[in-house]
Amino acid sequence: MKKVIDKKLFVGRPFPSSMMNAQKSFMESNQQLENDEVFQKFLADHDLENKRTALIVSAPESFMYWYGVLLDDKPIDVPTGLMKFELPKAEIDEEEEENQNLVYFNLPLVSTVPNFVKRVVANGVKVYQNLGDSDTPYIVWDLNLDTKKLTQDFYVKVSE
């Protein structure tokens, strides 16, 4: 479903593609952040314990994987050890999946990304062969642990 969303702020930690494990997932990176006291305190302080997000920022030659949480764009203090990434107001194509949990973020990207992109293309969205060639090279997977709903956003273009 195409729609326009406001600016968002991602808070977490980036991991280069070289940190993928042999199964092409970021399971160890995700667990590292889950075990991080600073991250857990940030979640508790902002009532985000039941939210998790993965962000993939593609580049022409590689990509960066982020793990953390997605927030509305408003001023927030990010503690040392975490980083923020600002996502633009944009037109997106959004898909939802029910009955998901944190295991989804540990699945191999070589299957989750292509499967999601196929659904986006089936919705009539033009997708670059190399996602890093786009002006909006972002894929966001946002999980609500209470409802077990995974929202998947493919950024199509910046919106004014």
C-alpha atoms as a PDB file:
ATOM      1  CA  MET A   1       0.000   0.000   0.000  1.00  0.00           C
ATOM      2  CA  LYS A   2       1.459   3.358  -1.034  1.00  0.00           C
ATOM      3  CA  LYS A   3       1.276   6.246   1.393  1.00  0.00           C
ATOM      4  CA  VAL A   4       3.235   9.267   2.616  1.00  0.00           C
ATOM      5  CA  ILE A   5       4.836   9.170   6.050  1.00  0.00           C
ATOM      6  CA  ASP A   6       6.425  11.942   8.077  1.00  0.00           C
ATOM      7  CA  LYS A   7      10.084  12.187   8.955  1.00  0.00           C
ATOM      8  CA  LYS A   8      11.235   9.484  11.341  1.00  0.00           C
ATOM      9  CA  LEU A   9      14.192   9.118  13.639  1.00  0.00           C
ATOM     10  CA  PHE A  10      15.946   5.795  14.005  1.00  0.00           C
ATOM     11  CA  VAL A  11      17.967   5.224  17.183  1.00  0.00           C
ATOM     12  CA  GLY A  12      20.244   2.231  17.527  1.00  0.00           C
ATOM     13  CA  ARG A  13      23.535   1.034  16.187  1.00  0.00           C
ATOM     14  CA  PRO A  14      24.816   0.529  12.628  1.00  0.00           C
ATOM     15  CA  PHE A  15      26.585  -2.617  11.480  1.00  0.00           C
ATOM     16  CA  PRO A  16      28.506  -2.857   8.175  1.00  0.00           C
ATOM     17  CA  SER A  17      27.670  -5.648   5.755  1.00  0.00           C
ATOM     18  CA  SER A  18      30.958  -7.327   6.712  1.00  0.00           C
ATOM     19  CA  MET A  19      29.406  -8.177  10.112  1.00  0.00           C
ATOM     20  CA  MET A  20      26.906 -10.592   8.559  1.00  0.00           C
ATOM     21  CA  ASN A  21      27.394 -14.155   9.739  1.00  0.00           C
ATOM     22  CA  ALA A  22      27.797 -17.218   7.507  1.00  0.00           C
ATOM     23  CA  GLN A  23      23.977 -17.489   7.245  1.00  0.00           C
ATOM     24  CA  LYS A  24      23.863 -13.889   5.878  1.00  0.00           C
ATOM     25  CA  SER A  25      22.081 -12.567   8.950  1.00  0.00           C
ATOM     26  CA  PHE A  26      22.929 -10.116  11.722  1.00  0.00           C
ATOM     27  CA  MET A  27      21.843 -12.369  14.577  1.00  0.00           C
ATOM     28  CA  GLU A  28      24.987 -11.745  16.655  1.00  0.00           C
ATOM     29  CA  SER A  29      24.824  -7.977  16.068  1.00  0.00           C
ATOM     30  CA  ASN A  30      21.167  -7.905  17.108  1.00  0.00           C
ATOM     31  CA  GLN A  31      21.939  -9.904  20.240  1.00  0.00           C
ATOM     32  CA  GLN A  32      24.858  -7.620  21.058  1.00  0.00           C
ATOM     33  CA  LEU A  33      22.512  -4.629  21.116  1.00  0.00           C
ATOM     34  CA  GLU A  34      19.779  -6.534  22.998  1.00  0.00           C
ATOM     35  CA  ASN A  35      22.375  -7.253  25.705  1.00  0.00           C
ATOM     36  CA  ASP A  36      23.507  -3.614  25.840  1.00  0.00           C
ATOM     37  CA  GLU A  37      22.531  -1.880  29.098  1.00  0.00           C
ATOM     38  CA  VAL A  38      22.541   1.580  27.465  1.00  0.00           C
ATOM     39  CA  PHE A  39      20.102   0.415  24.779  1.00  0.00           C
ATOM     40  CA  GLN A  40      17.821  -1.287  27.303  1.00  0.00           C
ATOM     41  CA  LYS A  41      17.814   1.830  29.516  1.00  0.00           C
ATOM     42  CA  PHE A  42      16.995   4.010  26.470  1.00  0.00           C
ATOM     43  CA  LEU A  43      14.058   1.731  25.643  1.00  0.00           C
ATOM     44  CA  ALA A  44      12.792   1.815  29.235  1.00  0.00           C
ATOM     45  CA  ASP A  45      13.226   5.587  29.586  1.00  0.00           C
ATOM     46  CA  HIS A  46      11.157   6.207  26.449  1.00  0.00           C
ATOM     47  CA  ASP A  47       8.561   3.437  26.914  1.00  0.00           C
ATOM     48  CA  LEU A  48       9.834   1.534  23.863  1.00  0.00           C
ATOM     49  CA  GLU A  49      10.473  -1.903  25.367  1.00  0.00           C
ATOM     50  CA  ASN A  50       7.969  -3.499  22.982  1.00  0.00           C
ATOM     51  CA  LYS A  51       9.328  -1.953  19.782  1.00  0.00           C
ATOM     52  CA  ARG A  52      12.244  -3.037  17.580  1.00  0.00           C
ATOM     53  CA  THR A  53      13.300  -1.891  14.161  1.00  0.00           C
ATOM     54  CA  ALA A  54      15.806  -2.873  11.519  1.00  0.00           C
ATOM     55  CA  LEU A  55      16.890  -0.366   8.890  1.00  0.00           C
ATOM     56  CA  ILE A  56      18.793  -1.213   5.743  1.00  0.00           C
ATOM     57  CA  VAL A  57      20.548   1.684   4.048  1.00  0.00           C
ATOM     58  CA  SER A  58      21.788   0.579   0.636  1.00  0.00           C
ATOM     59  CA  ALA A  59      24.757   2.086  -1.165  1.00  0.00           C
ATOM     60  CA  PRO A  60      26.006   1.392  -4.698  1.00  0.00           C
ATOM     61  CA  GLU A  61      28.698  -1.031  -3.504  1.00  0.00           C
ATOM     62  CA  SER A  62      27.372  -2.250  -0.155  1.00  0.00           C
ATOM     63  CA  PHE A  63      24.856  -1.492   2.603  1.00  0.00           C
ATOM     64  CA  MET A  64      24.624  -0.665   6.282  1.00  0.00           C
ATOM     65  CA  TYR A  65      22.342  -2.590   8.628  1.00  0.00           C
ATOM     66  CA  TRP A  66      20.927  -0.759  11.653  1.00  0.00           C
ATOM     67  CA  TYR A  67      19.197  -2.328  14.627  1.00  0.00           C
ATOM     68  CA  GLY A  68      17.263  -0.341  17.213  1.00  0.00           C
ATOM     69  CA  VAL A  69      13.950   1.505  17.361  1.00  0.00           C
ATOM     70  CA  LEU A  70      12.002   3.916  15.160  1.00  0.00           C
ATOM     71  CA  LEU A  71      10.608   7.140  16.633  1.00  0.00           C
ATOM     72  CA  ASP A  72       8.612  10.089  15.454  1.00  0.00           C
ATOM     73  CA  ASP A  73      10.897  12.949  14.439  1.00  0.00           C
ATOM     74  CA  LYS A  74      11.231  15.076  17.558  1.00  0.00           C
ATOM     75  CA  PRO A  75      14.240  16.221  19.571  1.00  0.00           C
ATOM     76  CA  ILE A  76      15.612  13.419  21.720  1.00  0.00           C
ATOM     77  CA  ASP A  77      18.826  12.878  23.625  1.00  0.00           C
ATOM     78  CA  VAL A  78      20.652   9.859  22.270  1.00  0.00           C
ATOM     79  CA  PRO A  79      23.000   8.328  24.835  1.00  0.00           C
ATOM     80  CA  THR A  80      26.659   7.656  24.138  1.00  0.00           C
ATOM     81  CA  GLY A  81      26.971   4.278  22.465  1.00  0.00           C
ATOM     82  CA  LEU A  82      23.868   4.698  20.323  1.00  0.00           C
ATOM     83  CA  MET A  83      23.469   6.648  17.104  1.00  0.00           C
ATOM     84  CA  LYS A  84      20.564   8.244  15.295  1.00  0.00           C
ATOM     85  CA  PHE A  85      19.615   8.241  11.631  1.00  0.00           C
ATOM     86  CA  GLU A  86      17.068  10.677  10.225  1.00  0.00           C
ATOM     87  CA  LEU A  87      14.674   9.308   7.640  1.00  0.00           C
ATOM     88  CA  PRO A  88      12.948  11.840   5.352  1.00  0.00           C
ATOM     89  CA  LYS A  89       9.262  12.497   4.881  1.00  0.00           C
ATOM     90  CA  ALA A  90       8.605  10.172   1.988  1.00  0.00           C
ATOM     91  CA  GLU A  91       6.270   8.199  -0.185  1.00  0.00           C
ATOM     92  CA  ILE A  92       6.607   4.569   0.789  1.00  0.00           C
ATOM     93  CA  ASP A  93       5.192   1.221  -0.158  1.00  0.00           C
ATOM     94  CA  GLU A  94       4.114  -0.556   3.011  1.00  0.00           C
ATOM     95  CA  GLU A  95       3.421  -4.203   3.710  1.00  0.00           C
ATOM     96  CA  GLU A  96       2.346  -5.770   6.994  1.00  0.00           C
ATOM     97  CA  GLU A  97       2.906  -9.249   8.355  1.00  0.00           C
ATOM     98  CA  GLU A  98       1.104 -10.736  11.346  1.00  0.00           C
ATOM     99  CA  ASN A  99       2.450 -13.126  13.980  1.00  0.00           C
ATOM    100  CA  GLN A 100       6.077 -12.028  13.801  1.00  0.00           C
ATOM    101  CA  ASN A 101       8.658 -11.792  16.569  1.00  0.00           C
ATOM    102  CA  LEU A 102      12.311 -10.872  17.067  1.00  0.00           C
ATOM    103  CA  VAL A 103      13.411 -13.988  15.174  1.00  0.00           C
ATOM    104  CA  TYR A 104      12.443 -12.195  11.941  1.00  0.00           C
ATOM    105  CA  PHE A 105      15.456  -9.885  12.339  1.00  0.00           C
ATOM    106  CA  ASN A 106      17.747 -12.923  12.539  1.00  0.00           C
ATOM    107  CA  LEU A 107      16.615 -14.407   9.212  1.00  0.00           C
ATOM    108  CA  PRO A 108      19.064 -14.282   6.285  1.00  0.00           C
ATOM    109  CA  LEU A 109      18.854 -10.990   4.396  1.00  0.00           C
ATOM    110  CA  VAL A 110      19.402 -12.919   1.146  1.00  0.00           C
ATOM    111  CA  SER A 111      15.826 -14.169   1.541  1.00  0.00           C
ATOM    112  CA  THR A 112      13.975 -11.438   3.473  1.00  0.00           C
ATOM    113  CA  VAL A 113      15.079  -8.500   1.294  1.00  0.00           C
ATOM    114  CA  PRO A 114      14.356 -10.104  -2.119  1.00  0.00           C
ATOM    115  CA  ASN A 115      10.981 -11.462  -0.924  1.00  0.00           C
ATOM    116  CA  PHE A 116       9.944  -8.018   0.304  1.00  0.00           C
ATOM    117  CA  VAL A 117      11.199  -6.286  -2.864  1.00  0.00           C
ATOM    118  CA  LYS A 118       9.220  -8.765  -5.015  1.00  0.00           C
ATOM    119  CA  ARG A 119       6.025  -7.749  -3.194  1.00  0.00           C
ATOM    120  CA  VAL A 120       6.877  -4.069  -3.689  1.00  0.00           C
ATOM    121  CA  VAL A 121       7.427  -4.618  -7.434  1.00  0.00           C
ATOM    122  CA  ALA A 122       4.130  -6.542  -7.615  1.00  0.00           C
ATOM    123  CA  ASN A 123       2.475  -3.386  -6.231  1.00  0.00           C
ATOM    124  CA  GLY A 124       3.719  -1.476  -9.280  1.00  0.00           C
ATOM    125  CA  VAL A 125       6.667   0.295  -7.658  1.00  0.00           C
ATOM    126  CA  LYS A 126       9.714   0.928  -9.831  1.00  0.00           C
ATOM    127  CA  VAL A 127      12.724  -0.530  -8.046  1.00  0.00           C
ATOM    128  CA  TYR A 128      16.353  -0.010  -9.012  1.00  0.00           C
ATOM    129  CA  GLN A 129      18.255  -3.201  -9.771  1.00  0.00           C
ATOM    130  CA  ASN A 130      20.817  -1.915  -7.264  1.00  0.00           C
ATOM    131  CA  LEU A 131      18.827  -0.463  -4.363  1.00  0.00           C
ATOM    132  CA  GLY A 132      21.810   1.772  -3.569  1.00  0.00           C
ATOM    133  CA  ASP A 133      21.192   3.764  -6.768  1.00  0.00           C
ATOM    134  CA  SER A 134      17.957   5.183  -5.341  1.00  0.00           C
ATOM    135  CA  ASP A 135      17.712   8.641  -3.761  1.00  0.00           C
ATOM    136  CA  THR A 136      15.843   6.890  -0.929  1.00  0.00           C
ATOM    137  CA  PRO A 137      17.772   3.621  -0.404  1.00  0.00           C
ATOM    138  CA  TYR A 138      15.901   2.653   2.763  1.00  0.00           C
ATOM    139  CA  ILE A 139      14.038  -0.429   3.887  1.00  0.00           C
ATOM    140  CA  VAL A 140      12.528  -0.307   7.372  1.00  0.00           C
ATOM    141  CA  TRP A 141      11.172  -3.292   9.286  1.00  0.00           C
ATOM    142  CA  ASP A 142       9.307  -2.106  12.377  1.00  0.00           C
ATOM    143  CA  LEU A 143       8.032  -4.711  14.846  1.00  0.00           C
ATOM    144  CA  ASN A 144       5.458  -4.170  17.577  1.00  0.00           C
ATOM    145  CA  LEU A 145       6.096  -6.958  20.079  1.00  0.00           C
ATOM    146  CA  ASP A 146       2.684  -6.466  21.720  1.00  0.00           C
ATOM    147  CA  THR A 147       0.644  -7.008  18.557  1.00  0.00           C
ATOM    148  CA  LYS A 148       3.305  -9.160  16.786  1.00  0.00           C
ATOM    149  CA  LYS A 149       2.739  -6.977  13.711  1.00  0.00           C
ATOM    150  CA  LEU A 150       5.719  -6.326  11.440  1.00  0.00           C
ATOM    151  CA  THR A 151       5.411  -3.231   9.263  1.00  0.00           C
ATOM    152  CA  GLN A 152       7.742  -3.202   6.256  1.00  0.00           C
ATOM    153  CA  ASP A 153       8.399   0.112   4.514  1.00  0.00           C
ATOM    154  CA  PHE A 154      10.139   0.540   1.171  1.00  0.00           C
ATOM    155  CA  TYR A 155      11.051   4.181   0.588  1.00  0.00           C
ATOM    156  CA  VAL A 156       9.993   5.204  -2.926  1.00  0.00           C
ATOM    157  CA  LYS A 157      10.732   8.943  -3.032  1.00  0.00           C
ATOM    158  CA  VAL A 158      11.160  11.958  -0.784  1.00  0.00           C
ATOM    159  CA  SER A 159       7.955  13.893  -0.269  1.00  0.00           C
ATOM    160  CA  GLU A 160       7.717  17.620   0.412  1.00  0.00           C
END
